[in-house]
Amino acid sequence: MRPSGLKIASVLLLGIFAISFGSILVRLALAASGDRSLAFSLVMSAGRMGLAALLLLPSWRRPLASRRGLPYAMAAGASLALHFALWITSLSYTSVAASTALVTTNPVWVTLFGWLFFREAPSGLTLLGIAVALFGGLLIGLGDAQGGNGGTNPLLGDLLALLGAVAASLYFLLGREAQRRGLSILEYIRVAYTAAALLLLPLPYLFGGGYGGYPLAVYGYILLMALLPQLVGHTSFNWATRHIPPVLVTLAILFEPVGASLLAFLLFGELPGVQVLLGALVLLLGVGIAVVGGRR
C-alpha cells in the first residue's frame, strides 16, 4: 500500500533537515583536524559509511527476502562511495554554498540517466531545464573563482562537487531499481551502505593517510555524519524513491543548500558572493524547469 502524501512529505522534510548538517559537519571536522588533504577527506567518507554500516550489523541476522535486487544495491553502494569521495573532497577546495548547490543538481542527472538507461524520454521542457541548470553551475564556478569564497581551488572543488552529483544520481536510480526487485528499505541500505564502506575504507591508506591520531572532536563529527545525514537523511530519501519518482525526491534535496548555507554563515561567517548567489538561483530555476518537464 502506498503511504499517504502527508507521510511521504514528512519523511522528506526529516531527510532535508538531516542532510543540511552534512557539509557543516565536514567543515567542522576539517577545522578540528587542521588537515585538508585528500587522505583526510577519504577518512571522513569512509568513517561515515563504515560507522553507518556498523550500526546496521544487527539487521544482517535476517536473510534477504529476494536476491534479484542485490546487484543493483551493490552498484548503488559503489556509486555512493564515489559520490562521497568526490563531494567531501570538494569541500576542501570550494565554499559550502557552491559545493552544496552543485552537488544537488541531482534532478537534472536523474532525468538524463532515466532517458539513457531506462527509456524514460525527457520532454523539451526538461532539456531546457538541464541547459539552464548547467548555466547556473557555470556562474557559480566563475563567481567562486573570482571571489575566493571559502576554498583554495574553487574551480577544482566545483568540478568535484558536480561529478559527485552525477554519482549520487546513479545511486538513487539504482536504489529505486533494487527496491523494485524485492528488497525492503532495510535490506537495501544494509547492502548499499556496506558496499560503499568496503570500497572506501582502504582508500585513505592508498593516499598516505590513516584513521588514527586525530583530535577526539573529529571522530565525534564523523559519528554525527553517520547518524544524521546518512542513517536519517539518506535512508529517508531512499525510502521515498520506493513510493514516488526519484526526480521528485532529488527535487526535495534542493532545499539542502538553503539550510547548509545558512548554517555556514552562522558558524563560519561565510557569505557567498553576488555571482555565486545569482548562479545558485539560476541553477535552482533550471532544476525546477527540468522537474516540471519530467512530470509531463
Protein backbone atom coordinates (compact mmCIF):
# COMPACT_ATOMS: atom_id res chain seq x y z
CA MET A 1 0.00 0.00 0.00
CA ARG A 2 1.29 3.44 -0.94
CA PRO A 3 1.81 5.73 2.09
CA SER A 4 -0.20 8.93 2.37
CA GLY A 5 1.12 12.13 0.84
CA LEU A 6 1.48 13.57 4.34
CA LYS A 7 3.69 10.69 5.44
CA ILE A 8 5.88 10.96 2.35
CA ALA A 9 6.21 14.74 2.79
CA SER A 10 7.07 14.30 6.48
CA VAL A 11 9.79 11.77 5.71
CA LEU A 12 11.22 14.07 3.04
CA LEU A 13 11.25 17.00 5.47
CA LEU A 14 13.08 14.85 8.02
CA GLY A 15 15.62 13.91 5.36
CA ILE A 16 16.14 17.54 4.36
CA PHE A 17 16.70 18.54 7.97
CA ALA A 18 19.26 15.77 8.46
CA ILE A 19 21.30 16.28 5.29
CA SER A 20 21.54 20.04 5.83
CA PHE A 21 24.12 19.26 8.51
CA GLY A 22 26.30 17.21 6.14
CA SER A 23 28.62 19.86 4.71
CA ILE A 24 28.66 21.72 8.04
CA LEU A 25 29.91 18.65 9.89
CA VAL A 26 32.56 18.16 7.22
CA ARG A 27 33.74 21.75 7.60
CA LEU A 28 33.86 21.37 11.41
CA ALA A 29 35.87 18.17 11.08
CA LEU A 30 38.29 19.88 8.70
CA ALA A 31 38.75 22.74 11.16
CA ALA A 32 39.25 20.39 14.12
CA SER A 33 41.84 18.27 12.30
CA GLY A 34 43.68 21.09 10.53
CA ASP A 35 44.07 18.64 7.65
CA ARG A 36 42.67 19.45 4.19
CA SER A 37 44.42 16.61 2.40
CA LEU A 38 42.69 14.14 0.12
CA ALA A 39 43.60 11.38 2.58
CA PHE A 40 41.64 13.05 5.38
CA SER A 41 38.67 13.68 3.07
CA LEU A 42 38.64 9.95 2.40
CA VAL A 43 38.90 9.25 6.14
CA MET A 44 35.70 11.24 6.63
CA SER A 45 33.94 9.49 3.73
CA ALA A 46 34.99 6.03 4.82
CA GLY A 47 34.39 6.72 8.51
CA ARG A 48 30.87 7.97 7.83
CA MET A 49 29.95 4.93 5.77
CA GLY A 50 31.82 2.48 7.97
CA LEU A 51 30.02 3.62 11.12
CA ALA A 52 26.66 3.60 9.33
CA ALA A 53 27.28 0.04 8.13
CA LEU A 54 28.44 -0.97 11.61
CA LEU A 55 25.23 0.34 13.16
CA LEU A 56 23.26 -1.75 10.66
CA LEU A 57 25.08 -5.00 11.52
CA PRO A 58 22.20 -6.43 13.63
CA SER A 59 19.94 -6.34 10.57
CA TRP A 60 22.13 -8.93 8.82
CA ARG A 61 20.75 -11.66 11.09
CA ARG A 62 17.76 -11.82 8.74
CA PRO A 63 18.42 -13.21 5.25
CA LEU A 64 17.42 -11.22 2.19
CA ALA A 65 13.82 -11.81 1.10
CA SER A 66 14.92 -11.60 -2.55
CA ARG A 67 18.29 -11.63 -4.30
CA ARG A 68 17.06 -10.09 -7.55
CA GLY A 69 17.79 -6.60 -6.29
CA LEU A 70 21.21 -7.47 -4.83
CA PRO A 71 23.35 -6.46 -7.87
CA TYR A 72 21.54 -3.11 -8.06
CA ALA A 73 22.06 -2.48 -4.35
CA MET A 74 25.76 -3.26 -4.64
CA ALA A 75 26.11 -0.98 -7.67
CA ALA A 76 24.24 1.73 -5.77
CA GLY A 77 26.74 1.34 -2.94
CA ALA A 78 29.64 1.76 -5.36
CA SER A 79 28.01 4.93 -6.73
CA LEU A 80 27.51 6.20 -3.19
CA ALA A 81 31.17 5.59 -2.36
CA LEU A 82 32.21 7.59 -5.42
CA HIS A 83 29.75 10.35 -4.52
CA PHE A 84 31.19 10.81 -1.04
CA ALA A 85 34.81 10.61 -2.16
CA LEU A 86 34.16 13.38 -4.70
CA TRP A 87 31.83 15.59 -2.69
CA ILE A 88 33.68 15.58 0.63
CA THR A 89 36.95 16.27 -1.19
CA SER A 90 35.28 19.23 -2.94
CA LEU A 91 34.70 20.91 0.41
CA SER A 92 38.46 21.14 0.88
CA TYR A 93 38.68 23.38 -2.18
CA THR A 94 35.44 25.34 -2.54
CA SER A 95 32.75 27.01 -0.43
CA VAL A 96 29.85 25.28 1.30
CA ALA A 97 27.37 27.28 -0.82
CA ALA A 98 28.94 26.33 -4.15
CA SER A 99 29.53 22.70 -3.23
CA THR A 100 26.04 22.06 -1.91
CA ALA A 101 24.40 23.89 -4.83
CA LEU A 102 26.32 21.90 -7.43
CA VAL A 103 26.05 18.54 -5.72
CA THR A 104 22.26 18.91 -5.59
CA THR A 105 21.82 19.13 -9.36
CA ASN A 106 20.63 15.53 -8.98
CA PRO A 107 17.24 16.06 -10.70
CA VAL A 108 18.99 17.06 -13.91
CA TRP A 109 21.15 13.94 -13.98
CA VAL A 110 18.37 11.62 -12.79
CA THR A 111 16.25 12.82 -15.72
CA LEU A 112 19.13 12.43 -18.16
CA PHE A 113 20.12 8.94 -16.96
CA GLY A 114 16.48 7.85 -16.85
CA TRP A 115 16.36 8.69 -20.55
CA LEU A 116 19.65 6.98 -21.38
CA PHE A 117 19.29 3.80 -19.31
CA PHE A 118 15.57 3.31 -18.61
CA ARG A 119 13.93 4.64 -21.79
CA GLU A 120 12.27 7.49 -19.87
CA ALA A 121 12.43 10.13 -22.60
CA PRO A 122 12.56 13.74 -21.34
CA SER A 123 10.36 16.48 -22.74
CA GLY A 124 11.63 19.62 -24.42
CA LEU A 125 10.96 21.49 -21.19
CA THR A 126 13.18 19.07 -19.32
CA LEU A 127 16.02 19.62 -21.77
CA LEU A 128 15.59 23.38 -21.38
CA GLY A 129 15.84 22.97 -17.62
CA ILE A 130 19.05 20.98 -17.96
CA ALA A 131 20.60 23.76 -20.05
CA VAL A 132 19.52 26.47 -17.59
CA ALA A 133 20.82 24.48 -14.61
CA LEU A 134 24.19 23.89 -16.23
CA PHE A 135 24.47 27.61 -16.97
CA GLY A 136 23.77 28.31 -13.29
CA GLY A 137 26.53 25.90 -12.36
CA LEU A 138 28.90 27.77 -14.66
CA LEU A 139 28.01 31.07 -12.95
CA ILE A 140 28.73 29.52 -9.56
CA GLY A 141 32.10 28.26 -10.74
CA LEU A 142 33.14 31.60 -12.22
CA GLY A 143 31.87 33.54 -9.21
CA ASP A 144 33.74 31.26 -6.84
CA ALA A 145 36.96 31.61 -8.80
CA GLN A 146 36.73 35.41 -8.80
CA GLY A 147 35.55 35.83 -5.23
CA GLY A 148 37.73 33.30 -3.47
CA ASN A 149 34.91 32.27 -1.17
CA GLY A 150 35.87 29.57 1.31
CA GLY A 151 38.24 27.47 -0.78
CA THR A 152 41.81 27.17 -2.03
CA ASN A 153 40.95 25.93 -5.55
CA PRO A 154 37.29 26.79 -6.27
CA LEU A 155 37.12 25.54 -9.85
CA LEU A 156 38.51 22.13 -8.88
CA GLY A 157 36.16 21.94 -5.91
CA ASP A 158 33.17 22.87 -8.07
CA LEU A 159 34.06 20.20 -10.65
CA LEU A 160 34.39 17.55 -7.94
CA ALA A 161 31.01 18.56 -6.50
CA LEU A 162 29.37 18.33 -9.93
CA LEU A 163 30.81 14.86 -10.52
CA GLY A 164 29.58 13.95 -7.05
CA ALA A 165 26.08 14.89 -8.20
CA VAL A 166 26.37 12.55 -11.19
CA ALA A 167 27.40 9.67 -8.91
CA ALA A 168 24.59 10.43 -6.46
CA SER A 169 22.05 10.38 -9.29
CA LEU A 170 23.13 6.88 -10.28
CA TYR A 171 22.87 5.90 -6.61
CA PHE A 172 19.23 7.00 -6.39
CA LEU A 173 18.22 5.38 -9.68
CA LEU A 174 19.93 2.09 -8.82
CA GLY A 175 18.36 2.20 -5.36
CA ARG A 176 14.92 2.52 -6.90
CA GLU A 177 15.60 -0.49 -9.12
CA ALA A 178 16.88 -2.55 -6.17
CA GLN A 179 13.70 -1.89 -4.22
CA ARG A 180 11.53 -2.59 -7.27
CA ARG A 181 13.17 -6.01 -7.40
CA GLY A 182 12.09 -7.06 -3.94
CA LEU A 183 14.47 -5.53 -1.38
CA SER A 184 12.94 -3.77 1.61
CA ILE A 185 14.37 -0.40 2.62
CA LEU A 186 16.36 -2.00 5.46
CA GLU A 187 17.68 -4.77 3.20
CA TYR A 188 18.64 -2.25 0.57
CA ILE A 189 20.50 0.19 2.80
CA ARG A 190 22.42 -2.53 4.64
CA VAL A 191 23.77 -3.84 1.33
CA ALA A 192 24.38 -0.43 -0.26
CA TYR A 193 25.94 1.20 2.81
CA THR A 194 28.15 -1.83 3.48
CA ALA A 195 29.32 -1.97 -0.15
CA ALA A 196 30.15 1.74 -0.03
CA ALA A 197 32.04 1.30 3.25
CA LEU A 198 34.10 -1.64 1.96
CA LEU A 199 35.15 0.36 -1.10
CA LEU A 200 36.03 3.48 0.86
CA LEU A 201 37.79 2.03 3.92
CA PRO A 202 41.14 1.16 2.21
CA LEU A 203 41.42 4.42 0.27
CA PRO A 204 42.97 6.67 2.96
CA TYR A 205 45.95 4.32 3.19
CA LEU A 206 46.47 4.49 -0.58
CA PHE A 207 46.89 8.26 -0.29
CA GLY A 208 49.27 8.29 2.66
CA GLY A 209 46.69 8.66 5.42
CA GLY A 210 45.19 6.61 8.22
CA TYR A 211 42.45 6.59 10.81
CA GLY A 212 44.45 7.36 13.95
CA GLY A 213 45.99 10.44 15.52
CA TYR A 214 43.17 12.97 15.09
CA PRO A 215 41.59 15.04 17.87
CA LEU A 216 38.62 13.40 19.59
CA ALA A 217 36.28 16.04 18.16
CA VAL A 218 37.00 14.76 14.63
CA TYR A 219 35.67 11.30 15.47
CA GLY A 220 32.62 12.88 17.08
CA TYR A 221 31.85 14.83 13.91
CA ILE A 222 32.26 11.71 11.77
CA LEU A 223 29.88 9.81 14.05
CA LEU A 224 27.34 12.60 13.64
CA MET A 225 27.77 12.35 9.86
CA ALA A 226 26.87 8.67 10.05
CA LEU A 227 23.85 9.26 12.29
CA LEU A 228 22.28 12.41 10.81
CA PRO A 229 23.00 12.86 7.08
CA GLN A 230 23.50 9.14 6.40
CA LEU A 231 21.20 6.96 8.51
CA VAL A 232 18.45 9.57 8.87
CA GLY A 233 18.86 11.70 5.73
CA HIS A 234 19.81 9.23 3.03
CA THR A 235 17.59 6.48 4.37
CA SER A 236 14.61 8.85 4.31
CA PHE A 237 15.25 9.65 0.66
CA ASN A 238 15.85 6.01 -0.25
CA TRP A 239 12.54 5.08 1.34
CA ALA A 240 10.78 7.82 -0.63
CA THR A 241 12.14 6.60 -4.00
CA ARG A 242 10.13 3.42 -3.48
CA HIS A 243 6.89 5.41 -3.48
CA ILE A 244 7.46 8.47 -5.70
CA PRO A 245 9.68 9.13 -8.75
CA PRO A 246 13.36 9.67 -7.86
CA VAL A 247 13.33 13.02 -9.65
CA LEU A 248 10.82 14.31 -7.08
CA VAL A 249 12.99 13.03 -4.25
CA THR A 250 16.01 14.78 -5.66
CA LEU A 251 13.96 17.94 -6.03
CA ALA A 252 13.40 17.88 -2.26
CA ILE A 253 17.18 17.67 -1.81
CA LEU A 254 17.44 21.11 -3.44
CA PHE A 255 16.49 22.59 -0.09
CA GLU A 256 19.84 21.40 1.32
CA PRO A 257 21.85 24.43 0.07
CA VAL A 258 19.44 26.76 1.82
CA GLY A 259 19.91 25.15 5.21
CA ALA A 260 23.61 24.43 4.72
CA SER A 261 24.45 27.96 3.59
CA LEU A 262 22.53 29.47 6.50
CA LEU A 263 24.40 27.27 8.95
CA ALA A 264 27.69 28.10 7.21
CA PHE A 265 27.01 31.81 7.65
CA LEU A 266 26.12 31.39 11.33
CA LEU A 267 29.08 29.13 12.14
CA PHE A 268 31.81 30.31 9.75
CA GLY A 269 30.72 33.82 8.70
CA GLU A 270 30.85 32.53 5.12
CA LEU A 271 28.68 34.77 2.93
CA PRO A 272 28.68 33.82 -0.77
CA GLY A 273 29.40 36.50 -3.38
CA VAL A 274 26.69 38.02 -5.56
CA GLN A 275 27.60 35.97 -8.64
CA VAL A 276 27.57 32.73 -6.64
CA LEU A 277 24.11 33.59 -5.28
CA LEU A 278 22.87 34.50 -8.76
CA GLY A 279 24.25 31.26 -10.14
CA ALA A 280 22.54 29.28 -7.40
CA LEU A 281 19.20 30.93 -8.23
CA VAL A 282 19.63 30.18 -11.94
CA LEU A 283 20.63 26.61 -11.11
CA LEU A 284 17.57 26.09 -8.92
CA LEU A 285 15.35 27.60 -11.61
CA GLY A 286 16.79 25.24 -14.20
CA VAL A 287 16.33 22.22 -11.98
CA GLY A 288 12.75 23.25 -11.27
CA ILE A 289 12.03 23.53 -15.01
CA ALA A 290 13.61 20.11 -15.58
CA VAL A 291 11.47 18.52 -12.88
CA VAL A 292 8.23 20.07 -14.17
CA GLY A 293 9.10 18.91 -17.67
CA GLY A 294 9.85 15.43 -16.37
CA ARG A 295 6.36 15.09 -14.92
CA ARG A 296 4.63 15.78 -18.25
